[in-house]
C-alpha atoms as a PDB file:
ATOM      1  CA  UNK A   1       9.199  -2.773  16.038  1.00  0.00           C
ATOM      2  CA  UNK A   2      11.719  -1.907  13.365  1.00  0.00           C
ATOM      3  CA  UNK A   3      13.142   1.594  13.213  1.00  0.00           C
ATOM      4  CA  UNK A   4      11.126   3.746  10.879  1.00  0.00           C
ATOM      5  CA  UNK A   5      10.764   7.162   9.471  1.00  0.00           C
ATOM      6  CA  UNK A   6       7.206   7.773   8.545  1.00  0.00           C
ATOM      7  CA  UNK A   7       6.939  11.361   7.566  1.00  0.00           C
ATOM      8  CA  UNK A   8      10.168  12.763   6.309  1.00  0.00           C
ATOM      9  CA  UNK A   9       9.789  11.848   2.727  1.00  0.00           C
ATOM     10  CA  UNK A  10       7.190  13.078   1.330  1.00  0.00           C
ATOM     11  CA  UNK A  11       7.468  13.754  -1.389  1.00  0.00           C
ATOM     12  CA  UNK A  12       6.295  11.691  -2.453  1.00  0.00           C
ATOM     13  CA  UNK A  13       4.967   8.790  -3.394  1.00  0.00           C
ATOM     14  CA  UNK A  14       4.840   4.942  -3.046  1.00  0.00           C
ATOM     15  CA  UNK A  15       2.575   2.078  -3.406  1.00  0.00           C
ATOM     16  CA  UNK A  16       1.318   0.848  -0.117  1.00  0.00           C
ATOM     17  CA  UNK A  17      -1.769  -0.930  -1.230  1.00  0.00           C
ATOM     18  CA  UNK A  18      -0.407  -4.130   0.279  1.00  0.00           C
ATOM     19  CA  UNK A  19      -0.763  -2.939   3.861  1.00  0.00           C
ATOM     20  CA  UNK A  20      -1.884  -5.450   6.428  1.00  0.00           C
ATOM     21  CA  UNK A  21      -5.432  -5.125   7.694  1.00  0.00           C
ATOM     22  CA  UNK A  22      -4.654  -3.904  11.192  1.00  0.00           C
ATOM     23  CA  UNK A  23      -6.896  -0.988  12.216  1.00  0.00           C
ATOM     24  CA  UNK A  24      -6.024   2.617  11.506  1.00  0.00           C
ATOM     25  CA  UNK A  25      -5.970   4.676  14.721  1.00  0.00           C
ATOM     26  CA  UNK A  26      -6.723   8.394  14.647  1.00  0.00           C
ATOM     27  CA  UNK A  27      -3.787  10.371  16.080  1.00  0.00           C
ATOM     28  CA  UNK A  28      -4.606  13.984  15.183  1.00  0.00           C
ATOM     29  CA  UNK A  29      -7.685  15.802  13.879  1.00  0.00           C
ATOM     30  CA  UNK A  30      -7.111  19.521  13.462  1.00  0.00           C
ATOM     31  CA  UNK A  31      -7.234  22.294  10.838  1.00  0.00           C
ATOM     32  CA  UNK A  32      -9.286  20.108   8.444  1.00  0.00           C
ATOM     33  CA  UNK A  33      -6.566  17.428   8.481  1.00  0.00           C
ATOM     34  CA  UNK A  34      -6.784  13.934   9.948  1.00  0.00           C
ATOM     35  CA  UNK A  35      -3.728  11.743  10.601  1.00  0.00           C
ATOM     36  CA  UNK A  36      -3.895   8.043  11.433  1.00  0.00           C
ATOM     37  CA  UNK A  37      -1.297   5.375  12.182  1.00  0.00           C
ATOM     38  CA  UNK A  38      -1.278   1.624  11.699  1.00  0.00           C
ATOM     39  CA  UNK A  39       0.995  -1.139  13.002  1.00  0.00           C
ATOM     40  CA  UNK A  40       1.828  -3.352  10.039  1.00  0.00           C
ATOM     41  CA  UNK A  41       2.375  -7.095  10.189  1.00  0.00           C
ATOM     42  CA  UNK A  42       5.961  -6.686   8.934  1.00  0.00           C
ATOM     43  CA  UNK A  43       6.910  -4.582  11.982  1.00  0.00           C
ATOM     44  CA  UNK A  44       6.736  -1.132  10.411  1.00  0.00           C
ATOM     45  CA  UNK A  45       4.344   1.556  11.588  1.00  0.00           C
ATOM     46  CA  UNK A  46       2.545   3.383   8.796  1.00  0.00           C
ATOM     47  CA  UNK A  47       0.804   6.754   8.634  1.00  0.00           C
ATOM     48  CA  UNK A  48      -2.143   8.074   6.653  1.00  0.00           C
ATOM     49  CA  UNK A  49      -3.098  11.733   6.312  1.00  0.00           C
ATOM     50  CA  UNK A  50      -6.386  12.976   4.830  1.00  0.00           C
ATOM     51  CA  UNK A  51      -7.723  16.400   3.881  1.00  0.00           C
ATOM     52  CA  UNK A  52     -10.201  18.021   1.491  1.00  0.00           C
ATOM     53  CA  UNK A  53      -9.219  20.980  -0.675  1.00  0.00           C
ATOM     54  CA  UNK A  54     -10.612  22.949  -3.589  1.00  0.00           C
ATOM     55  CA  UNK A  55      -8.172  22.563  -6.449  1.00  0.00           C
ATOM     56  CA  UNK A  56      -7.852  21.232  -9.948  1.00  0.00           C
ATOM     57  CA  UNK A  57      -6.105  17.907 -10.459  1.00  0.00           C
ATOM     58  CA  UNK A  58      -3.740  19.677 -12.847  1.00  0.00           C
ATOM     59  CA  UNK A  59      -2.833  22.154 -10.119  1.00  0.00           C
ATOM     60  CA  UNK A  60      -1.922  19.374  -7.689  1.00  0.00           C
ATOM     61  CA  UNK A  61       0.193  17.642 -10.317  1.00  0.00           C
ATOM     62  CA  UNK A  62       1.916  20.945 -11.103  1.00  0.00           C
ATOM     63  CA  UNK A  63       2.765  21.380  -7.426  1.00  0.00           C
ATOM     64  CA  UNK A  64       4.383  17.950  -7.246  1.00  0.00           C
ATOM     65  CA  UNK A  65       6.438  18.604 -10.380  1.00  0.00           C
ATOM     66  CA  UNK A  66       7.842  21.820  -8.871  1.00  0.00           C
ATOM     67  CA  UNK A  67      10.746  20.196  -7.041  1.00  0.00           C
ATOM     68  CA  UNK A  68      12.461  23.491  -6.233  1.00  0.00           C
ATOM     69  CA  UNK A  69       9.453  24.499  -4.132  1.00  0.00           C
ATOM     70  CA  UNK A  70       9.172  21.201  -2.275  1.00  0.00           C
ATOM     71  CA  UNK A  71      11.130  22.392   0.792  1.00  0.00           C
ATOM     72  CA  UNK A  72       8.503  25.131   1.213  1.00  0.00           C
ATOM     73  CA  UNK A  73       5.692  22.699   1.999  1.00  0.00           C
ATOM     74  CA  UNK A  74       6.979  19.139   2.488  1.00  0.00           C
ATOM     75  CA  UNK A  75       7.968  18.725   6.120  1.00  0.00           C
ATOM     76  CA  UNK A  76      11.713  18.476   6.838  1.00  0.00           C
ATOM     77  CA  UNK A  77      12.670  18.410   3.152  1.00  0.00           C
ATOM     78  CA  UNK A  78      15.984  20.176   2.614  1.00  0.00           C
ATOM     79  CA  UNK A  79      16.158  19.706  -1.156  1.00  0.00           C
ATOM     80  CA  UNK A  80      14.699  17.715  -4.028  1.00  0.00           C
ATOM     81  CA  UNK A  81      16.089  17.364  -7.527  1.00  0.00           C
ATOM     82  CA  UNK A  82      15.319  15.287 -10.588  1.00  0.00           C
ATOM     83  CA  UNK A  83      18.009  12.769 -11.482  1.00  0.00           C
ATOM     84  CA  UNK A  84      16.326  11.134 -14.447  1.00  0.00           C
ATOM     85  CA  UNK A  85      13.174  11.581 -16.521  1.00  0.00           C
ATOM     86  CA  UNK A  86      11.788   8.332 -17.896  1.00  0.00           C
ATOM     87  CA  UNK A  87       8.573   9.901 -19.235  1.00  0.00           C
ATOM     88  CA  UNK A  88       6.160  12.720 -18.418  1.00  0.00           C
ATOM     89  CA  UNK A  89       4.798  10.580 -15.587  1.00  0.00           C
ATOM     90  CA  UNK A  90       7.871   8.705 -14.336  1.00  0.00           C
ATOM     91  CA  UNK A  91      10.983  10.148 -12.666  1.00  0.00           C
ATOM     92  CA  UNK A  92      13.887   9.383 -10.364  1.00  0.00           C
ATOM     93  CA  UNK A  93      14.162  12.057  -7.667  1.00  0.00           C
ATOM     94  CA  UNK A  94      16.923  12.682  -5.133  1.00  0.00           C
ATOM     95  CA  UNK A  95      15.727  13.990  -1.751  1.00  0.00           C
ATOM     96  CA  UNK A  96      17.558  15.187   1.362  1.00  0.00           C
ATOM     97  CA  UNK A  97      15.650  15.231   4.670  1.00  0.00           C
ATOM     98  CA  UNK A  98      16.513  17.163   7.802  1.00  0.00           C
ATOM     99  CA  UNK A  99      17.172  15.332  11.075  1.00  0.00           C
ATOM    100  CA  UNK A 100      17.484  16.854  14.541  1.00  0.00           C
ATOM    101  CA  UNK A 101      20.954  17.629  15.900  1.00  0.00           C
ATOM    102  CA  UNK A 102      23.239  15.740  16.496  1.00  0.00           C
ATOM    103  CA  UNK A 103      22.100  13.264  13.814  1.00  0.00           C
ATOM    104  CA  UNK A 104      23.114  13.436  10.166  1.00  0.00           C
ATOM    105  CA  UNK A 105      20.558  14.355   7.550  1.00  0.00           C
ATOM    106  CA  UNK A 106      19.099  11.516   5.499  1.00  0.00           C
ATOM    107  CA  UNK A 107      18.964  11.087   1.737  1.00  0.00           C
ATOM    108  CA  UNK A 108      17.185   8.772  -0.678  1.00  0.00           C
ATOM    109  CA  UNK A 109      16.519   8.290  -4.392  1.00  0.00           C
ATOM    110  CA  UNK A 110      12.801   7.864  -5.118  1.00  0.00           C
ATOM    111  CA  UNK A 111      11.352   6.173  -8.197  1.00  0.00           C
ATOM    112  CA  UNK A 112       8.125   8.123  -8.743  1.00  0.00           C
ATOM    113  CA  UNK A 113       5.244   7.119 -11.009  1.00  0.00           C
ATOM    114  CA  UNK A 114       2.003   8.978 -11.726  1.00  0.00           C
ATOM    115  CA  UNK A 115      -1.219   7.357 -12.945  1.00  0.00           C
ATOM    116  CA  UNK A 116      -4.840   8.419 -13.422  1.00  0.00           C
ATOM    117  CA  UNK A 117      -7.793   6.072 -13.177  1.00  0.00           C
ATOM    118  CA  UNK A 118      -9.787   6.436 -16.430  1.00  0.00           C
ATOM    119  CA  UNK A 119     -13.078   5.739 -14.634  1.00  0.00           C
ATOM    120  CA  UNK A 120     -13.103   7.866 -11.462  1.00  0.00           C
ATOM    121  CA  UNK A 121     -10.195  10.153 -12.541  1.00  0.00           C
ATOM    122  CA  UNK A 122      -8.308   9.660  -9.260  1.00  0.00           C
ATOM    123  CA  UNK A 123      -4.643  10.593  -9.656  1.00  0.00           C
ATOM    124  CA  UNK A 124      -2.059   8.548  -7.769  1.00  0.00           C
ATOM    125  CA  UNK A 125       1.628   9.276  -7.286  1.00  0.00           C
ATOM    126  CA  UNK A 126       3.492   6.207  -6.132  1.00  0.00           C
ATOM    127  CA  UNK A 127       7.152   5.761  -5.442  1.00  0.00           C
ATOM    128  CA  UNK A 128       9.754   3.614  -3.787  1.00  0.00           C
ATOM    129  CA  UNK A 129      13.335   3.974  -2.705  1.00  0.00           C
ATOM    130  CA  UNK A 130      15.680   3.002  -5.531  1.00  0.00           C
ATOM    131  CA  UNK A 131      18.864   1.270  -4.413  1.00  0.00           C
ATOM    132  CA  UNK A 132      20.407   1.219  -7.902  1.00  0.00           C
ATOM    133  CA  UNK A 133      21.172   4.942  -7.859  1.00  0.00           C
ATOM    134  CA  UNK A 134      24.155   5.915  -5.708  1.00  0.00           C
ATOM    135  CA  UNK A 135      23.944   9.015  -3.573  1.00  0.00           C
ATOM    136  CA  UNK A 136      24.999  11.963  -5.766  1.00  0.00           C
ATOM    137  CA  UNK A 137      25.893  14.121  -2.798  1.00  0.00           C
ATOM    138  CA  UNK A 138      28.023  13.911   0.307  1.00  0.00           C
ATOM    139  CA  UNK A 139      27.870  13.220   4.001  1.00  0.00           C
ATOM    140  CA  UNK A 140      24.345  11.860   4.525  1.00  0.00           C
ATOM    141  CA  UNK A 141      22.890   8.630   5.861  1.00  0.00           C
ATOM    142  CA  UNK A 142      20.986   6.706   3.191  1.00  0.00           C
ATOM    143  CA  UNK A 143      17.452   5.762   4.202  1.00  0.00           C
ATOM    144  CA  UNK A 144      16.991   1.982   4.130  1.00  0.00           C
ATOM    145  CA  UNK A 145      13.327   1.965   3.157  1.00  0.00           C
ATOM    146  CA  UNK A 146      10.842   4.548   1.934  1.00  0.00           C
ATOM    147  CA  UNK A 147       7.353   3.875   0.655  1.00  0.00           C
ATOM    148  CA  UNK A 148       4.633   6.450   0.239  1.00  0.00           C
ATOM    149  CA  UNK A 149       1.493   7.078  -1.725  1.00  0.00           C
ATOM    150  CA  UNK A 150      -0.436  10.177  -2.692  1.00  0.00           C
ATOM    151  CA  UNK A 151      -3.928  10.159  -4.181  1.00  0.00           C
ATOM    152  CA  UNK A 152      -6.113  13.001  -5.441  1.00  0.00           C
ATOM    153  CA  UNK A 153      -9.756  11.924  -5.746  1.00  0.00           C
ATOM    154  CA  UNK A 154     -12.144  14.447  -7.350  1.00  0.00           C
ATOM    155  CA  UNK A 155     -15.517  14.714  -5.613  1.00  0.00           C
ATOM    156  CA  UNK A 156     -18.867  15.794  -7.023  1.00  0.00           C
ATOM    157  CA  UNK A 157     -18.967  18.982  -4.937  1.00  0.00           C
ATOM    158  CA  UNK A 158     -15.749  20.310  -6.487  1.00  0.00           C
ATOM    159  CA  UNK A 159     -13.418  19.287  -3.661  1.00  0.00           C
ATOM    160  CA  UNK A 160     -10.493  16.919  -4.023  1.00  0.00           C
ATOM    161  CA  UNK A 161      -9.861  14.294  -1.355  1.00  0.00           C
ATOM    162  CA  UNK A 162      -6.106  14.212  -0.772  1.00  0.00           C
ATOM    163  CA  UNK A 163      -4.529  11.155   0.853  1.00  0.00           C
ATOM    164  CA  UNK A 164      -0.882  10.933   1.926  1.00  0.00           C
ATOM    165  CA  UNK A 165       0.205   7.523   3.206  1.00  0.00           C
ATOM    166  CA  UNK A 166       3.523   5.804   3.834  1.00  0.00           C
ATOM    167  CA  UNK A 167       6.164   4.206   6.028  1.00  0.00           C
ATOM    168  CA  UNK A 168       9.945   3.900   6.071  1.00  0.00           C
ATOM    169  CA  UNK A 169      13.242   3.187   7.768  1.00  0.00           C
ATOM    170  CA  UNK A 170      15.501   6.165   8.413  1.00  0.00           C
ATOM    171  CA  UNK A 171      18.704   4.135   8.489  1.00  0.00           C
ATOM    172  CA  UNK A 172      21.571   4.635  10.907  1.00  0.00           C
ATOM    173  CA  UNK A 173      21.430   3.887  14.635  1.00  0.00           C
ATOM    174  CA  UNK A 174      18.115   4.124  16.457  1.00  0.00           C
ATOM    175  CA  UNK A 175      19.531   3.426  19.937  1.00  0.00           C
ATOM    176  CA  UNK A 176      19.330   7.052  21.088  1.00  0.00           C
ATOM    177  CA  UNK A 177      16.332   8.095  23.194  1.00  0.00           C
ATOM    178  CA  UNK A 178      16.274  11.376  21.257  1.00  0.00           C
ATOM    179  CA  UNK A 179      16.076   9.523  17.934  1.00  0.00           C
ATOM    180  CA  UNK A 180      13.281   7.247  19.125  1.00  0.00           C
ATOM    181  CA  UNK A 181      11.354  10.277  20.401  1.00  0.00           C
ATOM    182  CA  UNK A 182      11.830  12.032  17.078  1.00  0.00           C
ATOM    183  CA  UNK A 183      10.675   9.032  15.038  1.00  0.00           C
ATOM    184  CA  UNK A 184       7.557   8.558  17.177  1.00  0.00           C
ATOM    185  CA  UNK A 185       6.685  12.238  16.821  1.00  0.00           C
ATOM    186  CA  UNK A 186       7.393  12.301  13.086  1.00  0.00           C
ATOM    187  CA  UNK A 187       4.846   9.518  12.618  1.00  0.00           C
ATOM    188  CA  UNK A 188       1.993  12.027  12.876  1.00  0.00           C
ATOM    189  CA  UNK A 189       3.683  15.430  12.843  1.00  0.00           C
ATOM    190  CA  UNK A 190       5.332  15.175   9.411  1.00  0.00           C
ATOM    191  CA  UNK A 191       2.230  14.123   7.446  1.00  0.00           C
ATOM    192  CA  UNK A 192       0.182  16.758   9.289  1.00  0.00           C
ATOM    193  CA  UNK A 193       2.691  19.522   8.533  1.00  0.00           C
ATOM    194  CA  UNK A 194       3.039  18.374   4.929  1.00  0.00           C
ATOM    195  CA  UNK A 195      -0.708  18.456   4.269  1.00  0.00           C
ATOM    196  CA  UNK A 196      -0.924  21.804   6.031  1.00  0.00           C
ATOM    197  CA  UNK A 197       1.855  23.071   3.778  1.00  0.00           C
ATOM    198  CA  UNK A 198       0.094  21.749   0.687  1.00  0.00           C
ATOM    199  CA  UNK A 199      -3.091  23.587   1.646  1.00  0.00           C
ATOM    200  CA  UNK A 200      -1.092  26.798   2.063  1.00  0.00           C
ATOM    201  CA  UNK A 201       0.585  26.805  -1.364  1.00  0.00           C
ATOM    202  CA  UNK A 202      -1.751  24.991  -3.759  1.00  0.00           C
ATOM    203  CA  UNK A 203      -3.685  28.092  -4.816  1.00  0.00           C
ATOM    204  CA  UNK A 204      -0.686  29.957  -6.184  1.00  0.00           C
ATOM    205  CA  UNK A 205      -1.162  31.093  -9.799  1.00  0.00           C
ATOM    206  CA  UNK A 206       1.805  29.086 -11.042  1.00  0.00           C
ATOM    207  CA  UNK A 207      -0.039  25.881 -10.111  1.00  0.00           C
ATOM    208  CA  UNK A 208      -3.674  26.794 -10.745  1.00  0.00           C
ATOM    209  CA  UNK A 209      -3.073  27.850 -14.346  1.00  0.00           C
ATOM    210  CA  UNK A 210      -1.095  24.807 -15.503  1.00  0.00           C
ATOM    211  CA  UNK A 211      -2.547  21.951 -17.539  1.00  0.00           C
ATOM    212  CA  UNK A 212      -1.118  18.623 -18.679  1.00  0.00           C
ATOM    213  CA  UNK A 213      -2.135  16.485 -21.633  1.00  0.00           C
ATOM    214  CA  UNK A 214      -2.101  13.339 -19.484  1.00  0.00           C
ATOM    215  CA  UNK A 215      -4.482  14.701 -16.774  1.00  0.00           C
ATOM    216  CA  UNK A 216      -8.267  14.824 -17.197  1.00  0.00           C
ATOM    217  CA  UNK A 217     -10.307  17.028 -14.864  1.00  0.00           C
ATOM    218  CA  UNK A 218     -13.496  15.888 -13.143  1.00  0.00           C
ATOM    219  CA  UNK A 219     -16.849  17.110 -14.462  1.00  0.00           C
ATOM    220  CA  UNK A 220     -17.438  19.267 -11.355  1.00  0.00           C
ATOM    221  CA  UNK A 221     -14.302  21.355 -11.917  1.00  0.00           C
ATOM    222  CA  UNK A 222     -15.039  24.557 -13.887  1.00  0.00           C
END
């Protein structure tokens, strides 16, 4: 299996709808969060985290646009900053992720795109590592591959089904037993901690009271 880093990037965001059809295996079910993993045909191992929350779609989008706050809830995120704004729904974002000592922290530039389905109103935030942007910072190891996907599906009872899914390659050497242990643990721990963090911060006033012209709320949201 190729080296991978499944949970460090959150933030954010990438299209993984092309996953192979191997089964998803439940790894953790606790605190209203479920985390699964899947062995892909291309050698990567993917993760999927699921939870239900009460929130507006606008509030969730506001949370994801608050890059300064990302280290507060996205697991092992040291910093996140916007490099380029293409539109209100498309950005290039630079992210630094924390690694355990003695390994260097990782960085990556993510191309992030937001869409909303006009029929069921599900919001998706997709992204992919962008190799055309050089690292704007210093002594980090560039992640070779990052793909992730967030979806916010409004339900009739007023809840939103939140899905966080992805896979990646942390770059650098994976020969260390400590590194392999960390990667295996991050497969389920990082998405779990990230969804737990999201649940903890989403109801702050600065998110709940924001609205965006490009987001339509479901009929069940007051």
